[in-house]
Amino acid sequence: MIKTIRYWIFTFILLNLCTACKESPKEYYAKLLQEWMGKEVLFPNNPTFTIQGQDTVNFPLKADYKILTYVDSMGCISCKLQLKRWKAYMEENDMDSVRFLFFFSPEKKRDIVNTLKENIFTHPICIDEQNELEKLNHFPTESGEQTFLLDKDNRILAIGNPIHNPKVKELYLKIIRGETATDDAKPDKPMTAASIDRTTADMGTFGWQHPQSTDFTLTNTGDKPLAIEMVDTSCGCVTVDYKQEPVRPGGSVTLHVTYRAEQPEHFNKTVTVYCNTKDSPLRLTVSGDAK
C-alpha cells in the first residue's frame, strides 16, 4: 500500500493536475489519497440505467472490478464526456471481470441524451437527475478526480481517468490483472528528446459554424525514435491528426489540430501530447473567438 500511494503521489505531480490549491501538489494529493483510497463508494438504491436516456435496462452493479465515472452539470458536456474515447477504451478492455458505470448528472436531460445519440453511445448509463450519487459520496471537485477503479465491494483501488492519461490507463490494467503498481520499475522503452515549434496558437475571430485548423511541429532532437503514445484534448470539439509511425532522430511530425465550435464562444483549449521523452507530457493551447 505504501508503494502504491508513493506511485500515485509521483504520478499526480508528474501530470501537474493540481490547479489552484494553496498547498503544494504533493500535499494536496497526499490528502486526497489518504481520504479516498480504500473508501467505499455508496450507490443510490436501485439506480435506473437506460440506453441513450430512453429504454430502461437491467444493469447489475456487481462485478470483480468496476470503473466508475461521475460527470456533473458544470461546463461543456462534450468536453467532460469524451464518449468516443470511452467507446474505444471499453472495446480495448472487453473483460468479463470489469463493469463500466456511468453516472451523469446533467442540468438538462435533453442535452445529455442528444450527446449520447450524436456519439452513438449505447452502453447503459444512469442519468442521475437528482444527483444522488454525489450527495451520498461528496466526490472531489476536479473532473479528473471523479473517475475511480473499484473492487467487488465498491472500495476505491485507484483514482484518475484512464481515457485522458496513459499512466492511469496502465495502472488500472495492472491492478485488474493482479500486478503490482510501484514507482521503481524501469522504463520499458528507449527515451529520446523532442522540441515543439510553439506551444500556443491563436485562431483569431471566425464564424462559429466554420471549423478552424492549425499545425504544431514536433521534432525529434534525441538519438532514439520518437513515439507519440497518446494525444489528449480538453474538449471533444478539438481533434488532432498526425502520422502514427515513430519519428526518426532529426525528423519531425505535424500535429494538425482542428477546432469545431458547438456554439459562439471565446475558447481556450488544451492539447496534451504523451511521448517517450523526459519532459512528457507536452501541453499545447489553442484559443480564439468563435462568433
Protein backbone atom coordinates (compact mmCIF):
# COMPACT_ATOMS: atom_id res chain seq x y z
CA MET A 1 0.00 0.00 0.00
CA ILE A 2 2.84 2.43 0.83
CA LYS A 3 4.45 1.84 -2.57
CA THR A 4 1.10 2.25 -4.31
CA ILE A 5 0.47 5.60 -2.57
CA ARG A 6 4.01 6.74 -3.40
CA TYR A 7 3.35 5.81 -7.01
CA TRP A 8 0.16 7.86 -7.07
CA ILE A 9 1.74 10.93 -5.50
CA PHE A 10 4.56 10.71 -8.05
CA THR A 11 2.10 10.26 -10.94
CA PHE A 12 -0.11 13.20 -9.94
CA ILE A 13 2.86 15.54 -9.52
CA LEU A 14 4.27 14.42 -12.85
CA LEU A 15 0.98 15.18 -14.59
CA ASN A 16 0.67 18.55 -12.83
CA LEU A 17 -3.04 18.06 -12.29
CA CYS A 18 -3.37 20.40 -9.31
CA THR A 19 -4.89 23.65 -10.45
CA ALA A 20 -5.47 26.27 -7.76
CA CYS A 21 -4.68 24.93 -4.32
CA LYS A 22 -2.74 26.81 -1.66
CA GLU A 23 -0.85 23.71 -0.57
CA SER A 24 1.75 22.01 -2.76
CA PRO A 25 0.62 19.35 -5.26
CA LYS A 26 2.36 16.70 -3.14
CA GLU A 27 0.48 17.78 0.00
CA TYR A 28 -2.82 18.08 -1.87
CA TYR A 29 -2.68 14.60 -3.38
CA ALA A 30 -1.35 13.01 -0.23
CA LYS A 31 -4.52 14.25 1.48
CA LEU A 32 -6.67 13.16 -1.47
CA LEU A 33 -5.27 9.64 -1.37
CA GLN A 34 -5.47 9.41 2.40
CA GLU A 35 -9.15 10.35 2.24
CA TRP A 36 -10.24 8.24 -0.74
CA MET A 37 -8.04 5.16 -1.14
CA GLY A 38 -9.93 2.15 0.25
CA LYS A 39 -13.10 4.18 0.85
CA GLU A 40 -16.40 2.54 -0.08
CA VAL A 41 -18.44 4.32 -2.74
CA LEU A 42 -22.13 4.43 -1.87
CA PHE A 43 -24.68 3.97 -4.65
CA PRO A 44 -28.34 5.08 -4.71
CA ASN A 45 -30.92 2.37 -4.10
CA ASN A 46 -31.96 0.76 -7.39
CA PRO A 47 -30.39 3.30 -9.80
CA THR A 48 -32.07 3.35 -13.21
CA PHE A 49 -29.88 2.58 -16.22
CA THR A 50 -31.00 3.39 -19.73
CA ILE A 51 -29.82 3.20 -23.33
CA GLN A 52 -29.41 6.77 -24.60
CA GLY A 53 -31.79 8.02 -21.89
CA GLN A 54 -34.75 6.07 -23.27
CA ASP A 55 -35.00 2.28 -22.93
CA THR A 56 -34.59 1.11 -19.31
CA VAL A 57 -32.29 -1.90 -18.93
CA ASN A 58 -31.36 -4.30 -16.14
CA PHE A 59 -27.75 -3.46 -15.30
CA PRO A 60 -26.46 -5.09 -12.08
CA LEU A 61 -23.66 -3.29 -10.24
CA LYS A 62 -21.92 -6.48 -9.14
CA ALA A 63 -18.54 -7.29 -10.72
CA ASP A 64 -14.99 -8.11 -9.62
CA TYR A 65 -13.89 -4.64 -10.73
CA LYS A 66 -15.81 -1.51 -11.67
CA ILE A 67 -14.67 1.64 -13.41
CA LEU A 68 -16.98 4.39 -12.18
CA THR A 69 -17.08 7.80 -13.79
CA TYR A 70 -19.26 10.62 -12.48
CA VAL A 71 -19.99 13.72 -14.56
CA ASP A 72 -21.72 16.75 -13.06
CA SER A 73 -23.67 19.51 -14.81
CA MET A 74 -20.90 22.10 -14.82
CA GLY A 75 -19.23 23.21 -18.05
CA CYS A 76 -19.21 21.80 -21.56
CA ILE A 77 -20.92 18.40 -21.80
CA SER A 78 -18.85 17.06 -24.71
CA CYS A 79 -15.65 18.27 -23.00
CA LYS A 80 -16.39 16.16 -19.95
CA LEU A 81 -17.96 13.08 -21.51
CA GLN A 82 -15.48 12.31 -24.31
CA LEU A 83 -17.76 9.43 -25.33
CA LYS A 84 -15.78 8.39 -28.40
CA ARG A 85 -12.76 7.79 -26.20
CA TRP A 86 -14.79 5.81 -23.71
CA LYS A 87 -16.14 3.65 -26.53
CA ALA A 88 -12.60 2.92 -27.75
CA TYR A 89 -11.36 2.24 -24.21
CA MET A 90 -14.18 -0.21 -23.48
CA GLU A 91 -13.53 -2.04 -26.73
CA GLU A 92 -9.86 -2.36 -25.79
CA ASN A 93 -10.76 -3.64 -22.31
CA ASP A 94 -13.64 -6.01 -23.02
CA MET A 95 -13.15 -8.12 -19.88
CA ASP A 96 -15.89 -10.02 -18.07
CA SER A 97 -14.42 -9.03 -14.70
CA VAL A 98 -14.85 -5.26 -15.31
CA ARG A 99 -18.11 -3.31 -15.33
CA PHE A 100 -18.23 0.27 -16.59
CA LEU A 101 -20.55 2.52 -14.58
CA PHE A 102 -21.51 5.93 -15.96
CA PHE A 103 -23.44 8.32 -13.72
CA PHE A 104 -24.33 11.60 -15.41
CA SER A 105 -25.99 14.46 -13.55
CA PRO A 106 -26.87 16.98 -16.29
CA GLU A 107 -28.58 20.30 -15.79
CA LYS A 108 -30.78 19.44 -18.78
CA LYS A 109 -31.52 15.81 -19.59
CA ARG A 110 -32.12 16.73 -23.24
CA ASP A 111 -28.50 17.85 -23.65
CA ILE A 112 -27.06 14.58 -22.41
CA VAL A 113 -29.48 12.50 -24.48
CA ASN A 114 -28.58 14.44 -27.64
CA THR A 115 -24.87 13.95 -26.93
CA LEU A 116 -25.36 10.20 -26.40
CA LYS A 117 -27.21 9.91 -29.71
CA GLU A 118 -24.72 12.02 -31.65
CA ASN A 119 -21.89 9.75 -30.48
CA ILE A 120 -23.93 6.54 -30.97
CA PHE A 121 -23.12 5.66 -27.36
CA THR A 122 -25.27 2.63 -26.49
CA HIS A 123 -23.65 1.47 -23.25
CA PRO A 124 -26.10 1.59 -20.29
CA ILE A 125 -25.83 4.84 -18.34
CA CYS A 126 -27.56 6.32 -15.30
CA ILE A 127 -28.95 9.83 -15.75
CA ASP A 128 -28.87 10.88 -12.12
CA GLU A 129 -31.17 13.90 -12.32
CA GLN A 130 -31.30 14.32 -8.53
CA ASN A 131 -27.52 13.99 -8.24
CA GLU A 132 -27.94 11.25 -5.64
CA LEU A 133 -24.52 9.67 -6.21
CA GLU A 134 -22.73 12.93 -5.43
CA LYS A 135 -24.91 13.61 -2.39
CA LEU A 136 -24.02 10.19 -0.97
CA ASN A 137 -20.27 10.50 -1.56
CA HIS A 138 -19.22 14.18 -1.99
CA PHE A 139 -16.60 13.47 -4.66
CA PRO A 140 -13.54 15.67 -5.27
CA THR A 141 -14.40 18.78 -7.29
CA GLU A 142 -11.87 18.34 -10.13
CA SER A 143 -13.29 16.32 -13.05
CA GLY A 144 -10.04 14.35 -13.37
CA GLU A 145 -10.60 13.07 -9.84
CA GLN A 146 -14.16 11.83 -10.42
CA THR A 147 -13.30 8.50 -12.05
CA PHE A 148 -12.45 5.53 -9.86
CA LEU A 149 -11.40 1.89 -10.08
CA LEU A 150 -13.46 -0.07 -7.53
CA ASP A 151 -13.22 -3.62 -6.22
CA LYS A 152 -16.16 -6.02 -5.82
CA ASP A 153 -17.07 -4.35 -2.51
CA ASN A 154 -17.11 -0.88 -4.13
CA ARG A 155 -13.93 0.19 -2.37
CA ILE A 156 -11.60 2.55 -4.24
CA LEU A 157 -8.40 0.97 -5.57
CA ALA A 158 -7.24 3.88 -7.75
CA ILE A 159 -8.29 7.38 -8.82
CA GLY A 160 -7.98 9.02 -12.23
CA ASN A 161 -9.39 8.98 -15.74
CA PRO A 162 -7.83 6.28 -17.99
CA ILE A 163 -9.08 7.83 -21.24
CA HIS A 164 -7.10 11.02 -20.57
CA ASN A 165 -3.88 9.60 -19.21
CA PRO A 166 -1.86 6.56 -20.39
CA LYS A 167 -0.25 6.21 -16.94
CA VAL A 168 -3.65 5.91 -15.27
CA LYS A 169 -4.74 3.53 -18.03
CA GLU A 170 -1.67 1.36 -17.38
CA LEU A 171 -2.22 1.45 -13.62
CA TYR A 172 -5.85 0.32 -13.89
CA LEU A 173 -4.85 -2.55 -16.16
CA LYS A 174 -2.09 -3.67 -13.80
CA ILE A 175 -4.44 -3.72 -10.83
CA ILE A 176 -7.12 -5.63 -12.76
CA ARG A 177 -4.51 -8.17 -13.85
CA GLY A 178 -3.28 -8.54 -10.28
CA GLU A 179 0.11 -6.99 -10.97
CA THR A 180 1.95 -4.72 -8.54
CA ALA A 181 2.00 -1.00 -9.29
CA THR A 182 5.21 0.59 -8.00
CA ASP A 183 7.26 3.64 -8.82
CA ASP A 184 10.58 1.81 -9.04
CA ALA A 185 10.02 0.00 -12.31
CA LYS A 186 12.44 0.87 -15.09
CA PRO A 187 11.12 2.33 -18.35
CA ASP A 188 10.32 -0.44 -20.84
CA LYS A 189 11.06 1.75 -23.87
CA PRO A 190 14.05 3.84 -25.01
CA MET A 191 13.74 7.55 -24.20
CA THR A 192 14.58 10.41 -26.51
CA ALA A 193 14.23 14.22 -26.58
CA ALA A 194 11.91 16.47 -28.55
CA SER A 195 11.16 20.13 -29.23
CA ILE A 196 7.97 21.85 -30.36
CA ASP A 197 7.93 24.86 -32.68
CA ARG A 198 5.37 26.63 -30.46
CA THR A 199 3.07 25.83 -27.57
CA THR A 200 0.20 28.26 -28.26
CA ALA A 201 -1.86 29.13 -31.33
CA ASP A 202 -4.41 31.93 -31.69
CA MET A 203 -7.03 31.03 -34.29
CA GLY A 204 -8.39 34.57 -34.31
CA THR A 205 -12.04 35.51 -34.87
CA PHE A 206 -14.24 33.47 -37.18
CA GLY A 207 -17.80 32.28 -37.77
CA TRP A 208 -18.58 29.57 -35.21
CA GLN A 209 -20.05 27.21 -37.82
CA HIS A 210 -16.74 27.02 -39.70
CA PRO A 211 -14.08 24.62 -38.30
CA GLN A 212 -10.61 26.10 -37.84
CA SER A 213 -7.28 24.29 -38.02
CA THR A 214 -3.67 24.96 -37.12
CA ASP A 215 -0.43 22.95 -37.07
CA PHE A 216 2.24 22.28 -34.47
CA THR A 217 5.57 20.68 -35.44
CA LEU A 218 7.19 18.22 -33.04
CA THR A 219 10.86 17.44 -33.79
CA ASN A 220 12.89 14.51 -32.50
CA THR A 221 16.09 16.09 -31.13
CA GLY A 222 17.34 12.92 -29.45
CA ASP A 223 19.11 9.80 -30.69
CA LYS A 224 16.22 7.29 -30.37
CA PRO A 225 12.93 7.04 -32.31
CA LEU A 226 10.20 9.35 -31.02
CA ALA A 227 6.84 7.65 -30.40
CA ILE A 228 3.64 9.54 -29.64
CA GLU A 229 1.83 7.33 -27.14
CA MET A 230 -1.36 9.35 -26.83
CA VAL A 231 -2.81 12.78 -27.59
CA ASP A 232 -5.49 14.07 -25.24
CA THR A 233 -7.71 17.13 -25.67
CA SER A 234 -9.59 19.08 -23.03
CA CYS A 235 -12.72 19.10 -25.17
CA GLY A 236 -14.46 16.86 -27.67
CA CYS A 237 -14.66 19.84 -30.01
CA VAL A 238 -10.88 19.60 -30.59
CA THR A 239 -9.37 16.81 -32.69
CA VAL A 240 -5.75 16.09 -33.56
CA ASP A 241 -4.46 14.24 -36.63
CA TYR A 242 -0.88 13.03 -37.02
CA LYS A 243 1.11 10.19 -38.54
CA GLN A 244 1.24 7.22 -36.20
CA GLU A 245 4.68 5.84 -37.10
CA PRO A 246 7.75 6.59 -34.93
CA VAL A 247 9.81 9.66 -35.86
CA ARG A 248 13.50 9.08 -36.56
CA PRO A 249 16.17 11.23 -34.87
CA GLY A 250 16.23 14.61 -36.61
CA GLY A 251 12.79 14.05 -38.12
CA SER A 252 9.52 15.84 -37.40
CA VAL A 253 5.82 15.11 -37.17
CA THR A 254 2.97 17.57 -37.73
CA LEU A 255 0.11 17.73 -35.25
CA HIS A 256 -2.91 19.01 -37.20
CA VAL A 257 -5.33 20.48 -34.63
CA THR A 258 -8.94 21.23 -35.61
CA TYR A 259 -11.49 23.10 -33.51
CA ARG A 260 -15.23 22.72 -34.23
CA ALA A 261 -17.33 25.11 -32.18
CA GLU A 262 -20.61 23.88 -30.75
CA GLN A 263 -21.81 27.45 -30.22
CA PRO A 264 -20.48 31.03 -30.34
CA GLU A 265 -17.84 31.39 -27.62
CA HIS A 266 -14.37 32.51 -26.68
CA PHE A 267 -12.36 29.32 -26.29
CA ASN A 268 -9.09 28.27 -24.77
CA LYS A 269 -8.50 24.54 -25.23
CA THR A 270 -5.61 22.31 -24.25
CA VAL A 271 -3.91 19.54 -26.21
CA THR A 272 -1.71 17.19 -24.18
CA VAL A 273 0.87 15.07 -26.01
CA TYR A 274 2.31 11.97 -24.31
CA CYS A 275 5.51 10.61 -25.81
CA ASN A 276 8.74 8.83 -24.84
CA THR A 277 10.59 11.93 -23.60
CA LYS A 278 11.66 13.04 -20.14
CA ASP A 279 9.52 16.19 -20.25
CA SER A 280 6.38 14.37 -21.41
CA PRO A 281 3.57 15.31 -21.46
CA LEU A 282 3.79 18.39 -23.67
CA ARG A 283 0.90 20.83 -23.29
CA LEU A 284 -0.31 22.95 -26.21
CA THR A 285 -3.05 25.57 -26.25
CA VAL A 286 -5.39 26.77 -28.99
CA SER A 287 -7.59 29.81 -28.47
CA GLY A 288 -9.79 32.23 -30.37
CA ASP A 289 -13.25 33.73 -30.74
CA ALA A 290 -16.00 31.81 -32.47
CA LYS A 291 -18.65 34.43 -33.28
